[in-house]
N, C-alpha and C. Protein backbone atom coordinates (compact mmCIF):
# COMPACT_ATOMS: atom_id res chain seq x y z
N MET A 1 7.50 9.02 36.14
CA MET A 1 7.24 8.89 34.72
C MET A 1 7.04 7.43 34.31
N ASN A 2 6.84 6.55 35.26
CA ASN A 2 6.72 5.13 34.97
C ASN A 2 5.51 4.81 34.10
N SER A 3 4.44 5.65 34.17
CA SER A 3 3.25 5.37 33.40
C SER A 3 3.35 5.88 31.96
N GLU A 4 4.39 6.60 31.64
CA GLU A 4 4.57 7.18 30.31
C GLU A 4 5.30 6.18 29.40
N ILE A 5 4.98 6.20 28.13
CA ILE A 5 5.73 5.41 27.15
C ILE A 5 6.91 6.23 26.65
N ILE A 6 6.63 7.43 26.16
CA ILE A 6 7.70 8.35 25.74
C ILE A 6 7.37 9.73 26.30
N VAL A 7 8.38 10.38 26.83
CA VAL A 7 8.25 11.77 27.27
C VAL A 7 9.40 12.57 26.66
N ALA A 8 9.05 13.62 25.95
CA ALA A 8 10.03 14.60 25.51
C ALA A 8 9.80 15.87 26.33
N HIS A 9 10.83 16.32 27.03
CA HIS A 9 10.70 17.44 27.96
C HIS A 9 11.63 18.57 27.55
N LYS A 10 11.02 19.68 27.11
CA LYS A 10 11.75 20.90 26.79
C LYS A 10 12.89 20.66 25.79
N LEU A 11 12.57 19.95 24.70
CA LEU A 11 13.57 19.68 23.67
C LEU A 11 13.84 20.92 22.84
N SER A 12 15.11 21.20 22.62
CA SER A 12 15.51 22.27 21.71
C SER A 12 16.57 21.72 20.77
N LYS A 13 16.49 22.15 19.51
CA LYS A 13 17.46 21.72 18.51
C LYS A 13 17.64 22.81 17.48
N SER A 14 18.90 23.16 17.23
CA SER A 14 19.23 24.17 16.22
C SER A 14 20.29 23.61 15.29
N TYR A 15 20.32 24.15 14.09
CA TYR A 15 21.35 23.81 13.12
C TYR A 15 22.13 25.07 12.77
N HIS A 16 23.44 24.92 12.70
CA HIS A 16 24.32 26.07 12.52
C HIS A 16 24.93 26.08 11.12
N SER A 17 24.98 27.24 10.54
CA SER A 17 25.69 27.45 9.28
C SER A 17 26.56 28.69 9.45
N PRO A 18 27.49 28.92 8.51
CA PRO A 18 28.33 30.13 8.65
C PRO A 18 27.53 31.42 8.67
N GLN A 19 26.33 31.39 8.05
CA GLN A 19 25.54 32.61 7.95
C GLN A 19 24.58 32.81 9.12
N GLU A 20 24.06 31.69 9.68
CA GLU A 20 23.00 31.85 10.68
C GLU A 20 22.85 30.61 11.54
N VAL A 21 22.08 30.78 12.60
CA VAL A 21 21.65 29.67 13.43
C VAL A 21 20.16 29.47 13.21
N ASN A 22 19.78 28.26 12.77
CA ASN A 22 18.38 27.97 12.49
C ASN A 22 17.81 27.16 13.64
N SER A 23 16.96 27.79 14.45
CA SER A 23 16.33 27.11 15.57
C SER A 23 15.11 26.34 15.05
N VAL A 24 15.12 25.01 15.20
CA VAL A 24 14.06 24.16 14.66
C VAL A 24 13.05 23.80 15.74
N LEU A 25 13.53 23.34 16.89
CA LEU A 25 12.66 22.99 18.02
C LEU A 25 13.05 23.85 19.21
N SER A 26 12.04 24.28 19.97
CA SER A 26 12.30 25.18 21.09
C SER A 26 11.45 24.80 22.29
N ASP A 27 12.08 24.23 23.32
CA ASP A 27 11.39 23.84 24.56
C ASP A 27 10.13 23.02 24.27
N LEU A 28 10.27 22.07 23.37
CA LEU A 28 9.12 21.25 22.94
C LEU A 28 8.82 20.15 23.94
N ASP A 29 7.55 19.95 24.23
CA ASP A 29 7.10 18.88 25.12
C ASP A 29 6.17 17.93 24.37
N LEU A 30 6.31 16.63 24.66
CA LEU A 30 5.41 15.62 24.10
C LEU A 30 5.31 14.48 25.08
N HIS A 31 4.08 14.08 25.40
CA HIS A 31 3.83 12.94 26.28
C HIS A 31 3.00 11.92 25.53
N ILE A 32 3.51 10.73 25.39
CA ILE A 32 2.76 9.62 24.81
C ILE A 32 2.49 8.62 25.93
N THR A 33 1.22 8.48 26.28
CA THR A 33 0.86 7.77 27.51
C THR A 33 0.15 6.44 27.27
N SER A 34 -0.16 6.13 26.00
CA SER A 34 -0.82 4.86 25.73
C SER A 34 -0.42 4.39 24.34
N PHE A 35 -0.72 3.12 24.08
CA PHE A 35 -0.33 2.52 22.81
C PHE A 35 -1.37 2.86 21.75
N HIS A 36 -1.21 4.05 21.16
CA HIS A 36 -2.10 4.45 20.09
C HIS A 36 -1.27 5.14 19.01
N MET A 37 -1.92 5.59 17.95
CA MET A 37 -1.21 6.24 16.84
C MET A 37 -1.37 7.75 16.97
N VAL A 38 -0.26 8.44 16.89
CA VAL A 38 -0.20 9.89 17.04
C VAL A 38 0.34 10.49 15.75
N ALA A 39 -0.30 11.55 15.29
CA ALA A 39 0.15 12.25 14.09
C ALA A 39 0.86 13.55 14.46
N ILE A 40 1.96 13.81 13.75
CA ILE A 40 2.64 15.10 13.83
C ILE A 40 2.51 15.75 12.47
N VAL A 41 1.82 16.89 12.40
CA VAL A 41 1.63 17.59 11.13
C VAL A 41 2.32 18.94 11.23
N GLY A 42 2.48 19.56 10.07
CA GLY A 42 3.13 20.87 10.01
C GLY A 42 3.69 21.10 8.63
N GLU A 43 4.03 22.33 8.34
CA GLU A 43 4.55 22.68 7.02
C GLU A 43 5.90 22.02 6.79
N SER A 44 6.28 21.86 5.53
CA SER A 44 7.62 21.38 5.21
C SER A 44 8.65 22.31 5.84
N GLY A 45 9.65 21.72 6.46
CA GLY A 45 10.68 22.52 7.13
C GLY A 45 10.34 22.91 8.55
N SER A 46 9.19 22.47 9.05
CA SER A 46 8.79 22.86 10.41
C SER A 46 9.53 22.07 11.48
N GLY A 47 10.16 20.96 11.12
CA GLY A 47 10.94 20.21 12.10
C GLY A 47 10.40 18.83 12.42
N LYS A 48 9.46 18.32 11.62
CA LYS A 48 8.86 17.01 11.92
C LYS A 48 9.91 15.90 11.90
N THR A 49 10.75 15.90 10.85
CA THR A 49 11.78 14.87 10.76
C THR A 49 12.81 15.03 11.87
N THR A 50 13.14 16.26 12.19
CA THR A 50 14.08 16.51 13.30
C THR A 50 13.53 15.92 14.60
N LEU A 51 12.25 16.12 14.84
CA LEU A 51 11.64 15.59 16.06
C LEU A 51 11.69 14.06 16.06
N LEU A 52 11.35 13.43 14.94
CA LEU A 52 11.40 11.97 14.88
C LEU A 52 12.82 11.47 15.07
N ASN A 53 13.80 12.17 14.51
CA ASN A 53 15.19 11.76 14.69
C ASN A 53 15.61 11.82 16.16
N LEU A 54 15.12 12.81 16.88
CA LEU A 54 15.44 12.91 18.31
C LEU A 54 14.73 11.81 19.09
N LEU A 55 13.44 11.61 18.83
CA LEU A 55 12.69 10.56 19.52
C LEU A 55 13.27 9.18 19.21
N GLY A 56 13.80 9.02 18.00
CA GLY A 56 14.37 7.75 17.58
C GLY A 56 15.82 7.57 17.94
N CYS A 57 16.38 8.51 18.69
CA CYS A 57 17.78 8.41 19.15
C CYS A 57 18.76 8.36 17.99
N LEU A 58 18.38 8.95 16.85
CA LEU A 58 19.30 9.10 15.73
C LEU A 58 20.10 10.39 15.84
N ASP A 59 19.64 11.29 16.67
CA ASP A 59 20.30 12.57 16.91
C ASP A 59 20.07 12.94 18.37
N ARG A 60 20.81 13.90 18.85
CA ARG A 60 20.68 14.33 20.24
C ARG A 60 20.19 15.77 20.29
N PRO A 61 19.36 16.10 21.27
CA PRO A 61 18.90 17.49 21.41
C PRO A 61 20.02 18.39 21.91
N ASP A 62 19.92 19.67 21.60
CA ASP A 62 20.84 20.63 22.19
C ASP A 62 20.58 20.78 23.69
N SER A 63 19.31 20.68 24.05
CA SER A 63 18.92 20.71 25.46
C SER A 63 17.59 19.99 25.59
N GLY A 64 17.23 19.65 26.82
CA GLY A 64 16.01 18.90 27.06
C GLY A 64 16.29 17.42 27.27
N LYS A 65 15.26 16.67 27.58
CA LYS A 65 15.41 15.26 27.93
C LYS A 65 14.37 14.41 27.20
N ILE A 66 14.75 13.16 26.93
CA ILE A 66 13.84 12.18 26.34
C ILE A 66 13.84 10.95 27.24
N PHE A 67 12.64 10.52 27.62
CA PHE A 67 12.49 9.33 28.46
C PHE A 67 11.70 8.27 27.70
N TYR A 68 12.13 7.03 27.84
CA TYR A 68 11.32 5.86 27.48
C TYR A 68 10.95 5.20 28.79
N GLY A 69 9.68 5.31 29.18
CA GLY A 69 9.32 4.91 30.54
C GLY A 69 10.06 5.80 31.52
N SER A 70 10.71 5.20 32.48
CA SER A 70 11.45 5.96 33.48
C SER A 70 12.91 6.16 33.10
N LYS A 71 13.32 5.64 31.94
CA LYS A 71 14.73 5.66 31.54
C LYS A 71 15.02 6.86 30.64
N GLU A 72 15.93 7.70 31.08
CA GLU A 72 16.35 8.81 30.22
C GLU A 72 17.34 8.30 29.19
N VAL A 73 17.03 8.52 27.92
CA VAL A 73 17.89 8.01 26.85
C VAL A 73 18.74 9.09 26.21
N SER A 74 18.40 10.34 26.41
CA SER A 74 19.08 11.43 25.71
C SER A 74 20.51 11.61 26.16
N THR A 75 20.89 11.03 27.30
CA THR A 75 22.26 11.16 27.80
C THR A 75 23.04 9.85 27.74
N LEU A 76 22.46 8.81 27.13
CA LEU A 76 23.16 7.53 27.06
C LEU A 76 24.39 7.64 26.16
N PRO A 77 25.46 6.91 26.47
CA PRO A 77 26.60 6.87 25.55
C PRO A 77 26.18 6.22 24.23
N ASN A 78 26.97 6.44 23.19
CA ASN A 78 26.57 6.03 21.85
C ASN A 78 26.26 4.53 21.74
N ASN A 79 27.06 3.68 22.39
CA ASN A 79 26.83 2.24 22.27
C ASN A 79 25.52 1.84 22.95
N LYS A 80 25.22 2.44 24.09
CA LYS A 80 23.96 2.13 24.78
C LYS A 80 22.77 2.72 24.02
N LEU A 81 22.98 3.86 23.39
CA LEU A 81 21.92 4.48 22.60
C LEU A 81 21.58 3.60 21.40
N ALA A 82 22.60 3.06 20.74
CA ALA A 82 22.37 2.17 19.60
C ALA A 82 21.64 0.91 20.05
N GLU A 83 21.99 0.39 21.21
CA GLU A 83 21.32 -0.80 21.73
C GLU A 83 19.86 -0.52 22.02
N HIS A 84 19.60 0.62 22.64
CA HIS A 84 18.20 1.00 22.92
C HIS A 84 17.42 1.15 21.64
N ARG A 85 18.02 1.79 20.65
CA ARG A 85 17.35 2.02 19.37
C ARG A 85 16.98 0.69 18.71
N ASN A 86 17.89 -0.26 18.72
CA ASN A 86 17.65 -1.55 18.08
C ASN A 86 16.56 -2.35 18.79
N ARG A 87 16.51 -2.25 20.10
CA ARG A 87 15.58 -3.07 20.87
C ARG A 87 14.19 -2.47 21.01
N HIS A 88 14.10 -1.15 20.98
CA HIS A 88 12.84 -0.50 21.35
C HIS A 88 12.19 0.36 20.28
N ILE A 89 12.88 0.60 19.15
CA ILE A 89 12.37 1.55 18.16
C ILE A 89 12.42 0.92 16.78
N GLY A 90 11.30 1.05 16.04
CA GLY A 90 11.26 0.66 14.64
C GLY A 90 11.04 1.90 13.78
N PHE A 91 11.65 1.92 12.61
CA PHE A 91 11.57 3.08 11.72
C PHE A 91 10.92 2.71 10.40
N VAL A 92 10.07 3.61 9.91
CA VAL A 92 9.45 3.47 8.59
C VAL A 92 9.63 4.81 7.89
N PHE A 93 10.13 4.77 6.64
CA PHE A 93 10.46 5.99 5.92
C PHE A 93 9.66 6.10 4.63
N GLN A 94 9.59 7.32 4.11
CA GLN A 94 8.87 7.57 2.86
C GLN A 94 9.47 6.78 1.71
N ARG A 95 10.78 6.69 1.65
CA ARG A 95 11.46 6.05 0.53
C ARG A 95 11.86 4.60 0.84
N PHE A 96 11.29 4.04 1.86
CA PHE A 96 11.40 2.63 2.21
C PHE A 96 12.77 2.22 2.76
N HIS A 97 13.85 2.66 2.09
CA HIS A 97 15.22 2.34 2.53
C HIS A 97 15.46 0.83 2.62
N LEU A 98 14.99 0.12 1.64
CA LEU A 98 15.31 -1.30 1.52
C LEU A 98 16.61 -1.46 0.74
N ILE A 99 17.36 -2.51 1.03
CA ILE A 99 18.58 -2.80 0.28
C ILE A 99 18.20 -3.56 -0.97
N ARG A 100 18.51 -2.98 -2.12
CA ARG A 100 18.02 -3.49 -3.40
C ARG A 100 18.48 -4.91 -3.69
N GLU A 101 19.69 -5.23 -3.24
CA GLU A 101 20.25 -6.54 -3.57
C GLU A 101 19.69 -7.66 -2.70
N LEU A 102 18.97 -7.31 -1.65
CA LEU A 102 18.47 -8.31 -0.72
C LEU A 102 16.99 -8.59 -0.94
N SER A 103 16.58 -9.82 -0.67
CA SER A 103 15.17 -10.18 -0.75
C SER A 103 14.40 -9.57 0.42
N ALA A 104 13.08 -9.70 0.39
CA ALA A 104 12.24 -9.17 1.47
C ALA A 104 12.67 -9.75 2.81
N ILE A 105 12.81 -11.06 2.88
CA ILE A 105 13.15 -11.68 4.17
C ILE A 105 14.55 -11.30 4.62
N GLU A 106 15.46 -11.12 3.69
CA GLU A 106 16.82 -10.71 4.05
C GLU A 106 16.83 -9.28 4.59
N ASN A 107 16.01 -8.40 4.02
CA ASN A 107 15.89 -7.04 4.55
C ASN A 107 15.32 -7.05 5.96
N VAL A 108 14.32 -7.89 6.20
CA VAL A 108 13.67 -7.93 7.51
C VAL A 108 14.58 -8.53 8.57
N ILE A 109 15.45 -9.44 8.17
CA ILE A 109 16.36 -10.10 9.12
C ILE A 109 17.42 -9.13 9.67
N LEU A 110 17.72 -8.07 8.95
CA LEU A 110 18.85 -7.20 9.33
C LEU A 110 18.81 -6.72 10.78
N PRO A 111 17.68 -6.20 11.30
CA PRO A 111 17.67 -5.77 12.70
C PRO A 111 17.91 -6.93 13.68
N LEU A 112 17.50 -8.12 13.29
CA LEU A 112 17.74 -9.30 14.14
C LEU A 112 19.22 -9.63 14.20
N ARG A 113 19.90 -9.51 13.08
CA ARG A 113 21.35 -9.74 13.06
C ARG A 113 22.07 -8.76 13.99
N ILE A 114 21.64 -7.50 13.93
CA ILE A 114 22.25 -6.48 14.80
C ILE A 114 22.02 -6.83 16.27
N LYS A 115 20.85 -7.36 16.55
CA LYS A 115 20.50 -7.75 17.92
C LYS A 115 21.21 -9.00 18.38
N GLY A 116 21.76 -9.76 17.43
CA GLY A 116 22.45 -10.99 17.78
C GLY A 116 21.66 -12.25 17.57
N VAL A 117 20.48 -12.12 16.96
CA VAL A 117 19.66 -13.29 16.64
C VAL A 117 20.09 -13.81 15.27
N SER A 118 20.31 -15.12 15.17
CA SER A 118 20.80 -15.67 13.92
C SER A 118 20.15 -17.02 13.63
N GLY A 119 20.52 -17.60 12.50
CA GLY A 119 20.09 -18.94 12.16
C GLY A 119 18.60 -19.07 11.96
N SER A 120 18.08 -20.24 12.29
CA SER A 120 16.67 -20.56 12.04
C SER A 120 15.74 -19.67 12.86
N LYS A 121 16.18 -19.23 14.04
CA LYS A 121 15.33 -18.36 14.86
C LYS A 121 15.09 -17.03 14.16
N ALA A 122 16.14 -16.46 13.56
CA ALA A 122 15.98 -15.20 12.84
C ALA A 122 15.07 -15.37 11.63
N ILE A 123 15.25 -16.46 10.90
CA ILE A 123 14.42 -16.71 9.72
C ILE A 123 12.96 -16.86 10.13
N LYS A 124 12.70 -17.59 11.20
CA LYS A 124 11.34 -17.79 11.66
C LYS A 124 10.68 -16.47 12.06
N GLN A 125 11.41 -15.61 12.78
CA GLN A 125 10.85 -14.33 13.20
C GLN A 125 10.58 -13.43 12.00
N ALA A 126 11.50 -13.43 11.04
CA ALA A 126 11.31 -12.60 9.85
C ALA A 126 10.13 -13.09 9.02
N GLN A 127 10.00 -14.42 8.90
CA GLN A 127 8.84 -14.98 8.18
C GLN A 127 7.53 -14.55 8.84
N GLN A 128 7.50 -14.59 10.16
CA GLN A 128 6.28 -14.22 10.87
C GLN A 128 5.96 -12.74 10.67
N ALA A 129 6.99 -11.89 10.70
CA ALA A 129 6.77 -10.45 10.51
C ALA A 129 6.21 -10.17 9.12
N LEU A 130 6.74 -10.86 8.12
CA LEU A 130 6.23 -10.67 6.76
C LEU A 130 4.81 -11.23 6.62
N LYS A 131 4.53 -12.31 7.31
CA LYS A 131 3.16 -12.84 7.33
C LYS A 131 2.22 -11.84 7.98
N ASP A 132 2.67 -11.19 9.04
CA ASP A 132 1.84 -10.21 9.75
C ASP A 132 1.44 -9.04 8.85
N VAL A 133 2.27 -8.73 7.85
CA VAL A 133 1.94 -7.62 6.95
C VAL A 133 1.39 -8.11 5.62
N GLY A 134 1.08 -9.41 5.54
CA GLY A 134 0.43 -9.96 4.35
C GLY A 134 1.35 -10.28 3.20
N LEU A 135 2.63 -10.53 3.48
CA LEU A 135 3.59 -10.80 2.41
C LEU A 135 4.25 -12.17 2.54
N GLU A 136 3.52 -13.13 3.09
CA GLU A 136 4.12 -14.46 3.27
C GLU A 136 4.47 -15.14 1.95
N LYS A 137 3.88 -14.66 0.84
CA LYS A 137 4.19 -15.23 -0.47
C LYS A 137 5.27 -14.46 -1.22
N LYS A 138 5.84 -13.44 -0.57
CA LYS A 138 6.85 -12.60 -1.23
C LYS A 138 8.19 -12.64 -0.49
N LEU A 139 8.46 -13.70 0.25
CA LEU A 139 9.64 -13.76 1.11
C LEU A 139 10.93 -13.50 0.34
N TRP A 140 11.03 -14.06 -0.84
CA TRP A 140 12.31 -14.01 -1.57
C TRP A 140 12.28 -13.02 -2.72
N SER A 141 11.26 -12.19 -2.78
CA SER A 141 11.19 -11.15 -3.80
C SER A 141 12.10 -9.99 -3.42
N LYS A 142 12.80 -9.46 -4.41
CA LYS A 142 13.63 -8.28 -4.19
C LYS A 142 12.79 -7.01 -4.40
N PRO A 143 13.26 -5.88 -3.85
CA PRO A 143 12.47 -4.65 -3.97
C PRO A 143 12.03 -4.33 -5.40
N SER A 144 12.88 -4.61 -6.39
CA SER A 144 12.52 -4.30 -7.78
C SER A 144 11.35 -5.13 -8.28
N GLU A 145 11.03 -6.20 -7.56
CA GLU A 145 9.93 -7.08 -7.94
C GLU A 145 8.65 -6.80 -7.16
N LEU A 146 8.68 -5.75 -6.34
CA LEU A 146 7.55 -5.42 -5.48
C LEU A 146 6.95 -4.07 -5.86
N SER A 147 5.67 -3.90 -5.59
CA SER A 147 5.02 -2.60 -5.77
C SER A 147 5.42 -1.67 -4.63
N GLY A 148 5.06 -0.38 -4.76
CA GLY A 148 5.36 0.57 -3.70
C GLY A 148 4.72 0.18 -2.38
N GLY A 149 3.45 -0.23 -2.44
CA GLY A 149 2.77 -0.66 -1.23
C GLY A 149 3.42 -1.87 -0.60
N GLU A 150 3.87 -2.82 -1.44
CA GLU A 150 4.54 -4.01 -0.91
C GLU A 150 5.89 -3.66 -0.29
N MET A 151 6.61 -2.75 -0.92
CA MET A 151 7.90 -2.34 -0.33
C MET A 151 7.69 -1.69 1.04
N GLN A 152 6.63 -0.89 1.17
CA GLN A 152 6.38 -0.28 2.47
C GLN A 152 5.98 -1.33 3.50
N ARG A 153 5.29 -2.37 3.06
CA ARG A 153 4.95 -3.46 3.97
C ARG A 153 6.21 -4.20 4.44
N VAL A 154 7.15 -4.39 3.54
CA VAL A 154 8.43 -4.99 3.95
C VAL A 154 9.12 -4.10 4.98
N ALA A 155 9.09 -2.79 4.74
CA ALA A 155 9.71 -1.86 5.68
C ALA A 155 9.02 -1.93 7.05
N ILE A 156 7.71 -2.08 7.06
CA ILE A 156 6.99 -2.20 8.33
C ILE A 156 7.33 -3.52 9.01
N ALA A 157 7.43 -4.60 8.23
CA ALA A 157 7.84 -5.88 8.81
C ALA A 157 9.22 -5.77 9.45
N ARG A 158 10.13 -5.08 8.76
CA ARG A 158 11.47 -4.87 9.32
C ARG A 158 11.40 -4.06 10.62
N ALA A 159 10.47 -3.10 10.67
CA ALA A 159 10.34 -2.25 11.84
C ALA A 159 9.78 -2.99 13.05
N ILE A 160 8.93 -4.00 12.81
CA ILE A 160 8.26 -4.68 13.92
C ILE A 160 8.93 -5.99 14.32
N VAL A 161 9.94 -6.43 13.57
CA VAL A 161 10.48 -7.78 13.79
C VAL A 161 11.12 -7.93 15.16
N ASN A 162 11.59 -6.83 15.75
CA ASN A 162 12.19 -6.88 17.09
C ASN A 162 11.18 -6.56 18.20
N SER A 163 9.90 -6.52 17.87
CA SER A 163 8.84 -6.19 18.84
C SER A 163 9.16 -4.90 19.60
N PRO A 164 9.23 -3.77 18.87
CA PRO A 164 9.63 -2.51 19.50
C PRO A 164 8.54 -1.94 20.39
N THR A 165 8.92 -0.94 21.17
CA THR A 165 7.96 -0.17 21.97
C THR A 165 7.24 0.86 21.11
N VAL A 166 7.95 1.39 20.12
CA VAL A 166 7.41 2.48 19.31
C VAL A 166 7.85 2.32 17.87
N ILE A 167 6.95 2.67 16.95
CA ILE A 167 7.27 2.81 15.53
C ILE A 167 7.25 4.30 15.21
N LEU A 168 8.33 4.79 14.58
CA LEU A 168 8.40 6.17 14.13
C LEU A 168 8.34 6.15 12.61
N ALA A 169 7.30 6.76 12.06
CA ALA A 169 7.05 6.69 10.62
C ALA A 169 7.10 8.10 10.03
N ASP A 170 8.05 8.34 9.14
CA ASP A 170 8.24 9.66 8.53
C ASP A 170 7.66 9.65 7.12
N GLU A 171 6.51 10.29 6.96
CA GLU A 171 5.79 10.34 5.69
C GLU A 171 5.65 8.94 5.07
N PRO A 172 5.08 7.97 5.81
CA PRO A 172 5.07 6.59 5.33
C PRO A 172 4.20 6.35 4.11
N THR A 173 3.29 7.31 3.80
CA THR A 173 2.43 7.14 2.62
C THR A 173 2.77 8.14 1.52
N GLY A 174 3.87 8.85 1.68
CA GLY A 174 4.20 9.94 0.76
C GLY A 174 4.43 9.50 -0.67
N ASN A 175 4.87 8.24 -0.88
CA ASN A 175 5.14 7.74 -2.22
C ASN A 175 4.08 6.76 -2.71
N LEU A 176 2.91 6.74 -2.07
CA LEU A 176 1.90 5.73 -2.38
C LEU A 176 0.63 6.36 -2.95
N ASP A 177 -0.08 5.57 -3.75
CA ASP A 177 -1.37 6.03 -4.25
C ASP A 177 -2.42 5.92 -3.13
N ARG A 178 -3.63 6.39 -3.43
CA ARG A 178 -4.65 6.49 -2.38
C ARG A 178 -5.01 5.13 -1.79
N ASN A 179 -5.14 4.12 -2.64
CA ASN A 179 -5.50 2.80 -2.15
C ASN A 179 -4.43 2.24 -1.23
N ASN A 180 -3.17 2.34 -1.64
CA ASN A 180 -2.08 1.85 -0.80
C ASN A 180 -1.92 2.70 0.46
N THR A 181 -2.20 4.00 0.34
CA THR A 181 -2.16 4.87 1.52
C THR A 181 -3.13 4.38 2.58
N ASN A 182 -4.36 4.06 2.16
CA ASN A 182 -5.35 3.57 3.12
C ASN A 182 -4.93 2.23 3.73
N ASN A 183 -4.37 1.36 2.89
CA ASN A 183 -3.94 0.05 3.39
C ASN A 183 -2.81 0.18 4.41
N ILE A 184 -1.85 1.04 4.11
CA ILE A 184 -0.73 1.22 5.04
C ILE A 184 -1.19 1.90 6.32
N ALA A 185 -2.12 2.84 6.20
CA ALA A 185 -2.67 3.50 7.40
C ALA A 185 -3.35 2.48 8.30
N GLU A 186 -4.14 1.60 7.72
CA GLU A 186 -4.82 0.57 8.51
C GLU A 186 -3.81 -0.38 9.15
N LEU A 187 -2.76 -0.73 8.41
CA LEU A 187 -1.74 -1.62 8.95
C LEU A 187 -1.02 -0.97 10.14
N LEU A 188 -0.66 0.31 10.00
CA LEU A 188 0.00 1.00 11.10
C LEU A 188 -0.90 1.08 12.32
N MET A 189 -2.18 1.36 12.11
CA MET A 189 -3.12 1.43 13.23
C MET A 189 -3.24 0.08 13.93
N SER A 190 -3.18 -1.00 13.16
CA SER A 190 -3.33 -2.33 13.75
C SER A 190 -2.17 -2.67 14.69
N LEU A 191 -1.03 -2.01 14.50
CA LEU A 191 0.12 -2.31 15.36
C LEU A 191 -0.13 -1.91 16.81
N THR A 192 -1.01 -0.94 17.02
CA THR A 192 -1.27 -0.48 18.39
C THR A 192 -1.91 -1.58 19.24
N THR A 193 -2.57 -2.55 18.60
CA THR A 193 -3.16 -3.66 19.35
C THR A 193 -2.09 -4.61 19.87
N ARG A 194 -0.87 -4.45 19.38
CA ARG A 194 0.25 -5.28 19.82
C ARG A 194 1.11 -4.55 20.85
N GLN A 195 0.54 -3.51 21.45
CA GLN A 195 1.24 -2.68 22.43
C GLN A 195 2.49 -2.04 21.81
N ILE A 196 2.27 -1.43 20.67
CA ILE A 196 3.28 -0.62 20.00
C ILE A 196 2.67 0.77 19.79
N ALA A 197 3.34 1.79 20.28
CA ALA A 197 2.92 3.16 19.99
C ALA A 197 3.45 3.54 18.61
N VAL A 198 2.64 4.25 17.84
CA VAL A 198 3.03 4.65 16.48
C VAL A 198 2.98 6.17 16.39
N VAL A 199 4.10 6.77 16.00
CA VAL A 199 4.18 8.22 15.82
C VAL A 199 4.44 8.47 14.34
N VAL A 200 3.52 9.21 13.70
CA VAL A 200 3.57 9.41 12.25
C VAL A 200 3.73 10.90 11.95
N ALA A 201 4.77 11.25 11.22
CA ALA A 201 4.89 12.59 10.67
C ALA A 201 4.30 12.57 9.27
N THR A 202 3.34 13.43 9.00
CA THR A 202 2.63 13.33 7.72
C THR A 202 2.08 14.66 7.25
N HIS A 203 1.96 14.77 5.91
CA HIS A 203 1.23 15.87 5.29
C HIS A 203 -0.17 15.42 4.89
N ASN A 204 -0.47 14.15 5.06
CA ASN A 204 -1.71 13.57 4.57
C ASN A 204 -2.83 13.75 5.59
N PRO A 205 -3.84 14.58 5.30
CA PRO A 205 -4.90 14.83 6.29
C PRO A 205 -5.74 13.59 6.59
N GLU A 206 -5.90 12.70 5.59
CA GLU A 206 -6.66 11.48 5.83
C GLU A 206 -5.95 10.58 6.82
N LEU A 207 -4.64 10.45 6.69
CA LEU A 207 -3.87 9.65 7.64
C LEU A 207 -3.93 10.28 9.02
N ALA A 208 -3.80 11.60 9.10
CA ALA A 208 -3.85 12.28 10.39
C ALA A 208 -5.18 12.07 11.09
N ARG A 209 -6.27 12.06 10.31
CA ARG A 209 -7.60 11.89 10.91
C ARG A 209 -7.79 10.50 11.51
N LYS A 210 -7.04 9.53 11.05
CA LYS A 210 -7.15 8.17 11.58
C LYS A 210 -6.44 8.02 12.93
N CYS A 211 -5.64 8.99 13.29
CA CYS A 211 -4.83 8.88 14.51
C CYS A 211 -5.64 9.28 15.74
N ALA A 212 -5.26 8.70 16.87
CA ALA A 212 -5.96 9.00 18.13
C ALA A 212 -5.73 10.44 18.55
N LYS A 213 -4.55 10.96 18.29
CA LYS A 213 -4.24 12.36 18.60
C LYS A 213 -3.45 12.95 17.44
N CYS A 214 -3.59 14.25 17.29
CA CYS A 214 -2.87 14.96 16.22
C CYS A 214 -2.26 16.23 16.80
N TYR A 215 -0.98 16.42 16.54
CA TYR A 215 -0.27 17.60 17.01
C TYR A 215 0.28 18.37 15.81
N GLU A 216 0.18 19.69 15.87
CA GLU A 216 0.78 20.53 14.84
C GLU A 216 2.09 21.10 15.37
N LEU A 217 3.14 20.97 14.56
CA LEU A 217 4.43 21.53 14.91
C LEU A 217 4.57 22.88 14.23
N ASN A 218 4.70 23.91 15.05
CA ASN A 218 4.76 25.27 14.53
C ASN A 218 5.64 26.11 15.45
N ASP A 219 6.57 26.85 14.86
CA ASP A 219 7.49 27.69 15.64
C ASP A 219 8.21 26.90 16.73
N GLY A 220 8.54 25.65 16.40
CA GLY A 220 9.36 24.85 17.30
C GLY A 220 8.63 24.15 18.42
N LYS A 221 7.30 24.29 18.48
CA LYS A 221 6.52 23.69 19.57
C LYS A 221 5.34 22.91 19.02
N LEU A 222 4.83 21.98 19.82
CA LEU A 222 3.69 21.18 19.45
C LEU A 222 2.42 21.70 20.11
N GLU A 223 1.34 21.67 19.34
CA GLU A 223 0.02 21.99 19.89
C GLU A 223 -0.97 20.95 19.43
N GLU A 224 -1.71 20.35 20.36
CA GLU A 224 -2.72 19.37 19.99
C GLU A 224 -3.87 20.07 19.27
N ILE A 225 -4.30 19.49 18.16
CA ILE A 225 -5.35 20.12 17.36
C ILE A 225 -6.49 19.14 17.12
N ASN A 226 -7.66 19.70 16.82
CA ASN A 226 -8.79 18.88 16.41
C ASN A 226 -8.60 18.49 14.95
N LYS A 227 -8.90 17.22 14.63
CA LYS A 227 -8.67 16.73 13.26
C LYS A 227 -9.88 17.04 12.39
C-alpha cells in the first residue's frame, strides 16, 4: 500500500440507542491514490460526516482499517492518533470553528502550538499561510470583523499551516454565497498542487463537478459516479 495516500478498507460504523442500532457505514472501501480533490456526495444523514470523522481520526470504526501510506492508523493509541492527526490532517468545516476572541493569525497559530512550534517561527508560518489564502492584510482581524468567505479562508489557512497530507472539508461552502463558493472551491483545488489531497463532503453539485473524482455514499457504501 506504499503507493496509496489514504486507504479505507471495509469500514463499518454504527450508532446505538436504546431503541435501535443505526448502521451508517458498511464494509466501505475508499482508495485515494494521488493528490487531487475528491467529492463525497449523498443525502443528509447518509454518513458523509461520519466517514470524514473516521478518515480524520476523530472517531474509530467498529471494524475495518484505515491506512495513511503503509501506516495503519485505525489501531493507534489515542496519543499517537492525536499526533498523527495534528501532523498529517487539516480540517475545514461549514461553520468555520474559529475562536471568536482570537485574531486570524492567532487562530492559525493554534495547530502549530499543539505541534510544539512557538515564537517567531510559528508567527512566520501562520503569516505565510494567511498570505497563501489572500489574507495577508487581515492578520489581526477577529472573526466578527471578517466576511463569511474570509472566515473560511482563515479556516483553510489553519488547516494548511502544518503542511498536511490531506485536507478533510465538511460542507466547506454550505454557509457561503455563490461568489464565495466559487472562490473557496478554487482555493481548495489549488492545494492539490502542493501535494495535499483534498476530500470534500458536499451537497453542492458545482463544487462536486470541480473535483477529479466524485463518490456517492448510499446504504453505507461508496460508488464512483459521473459528475
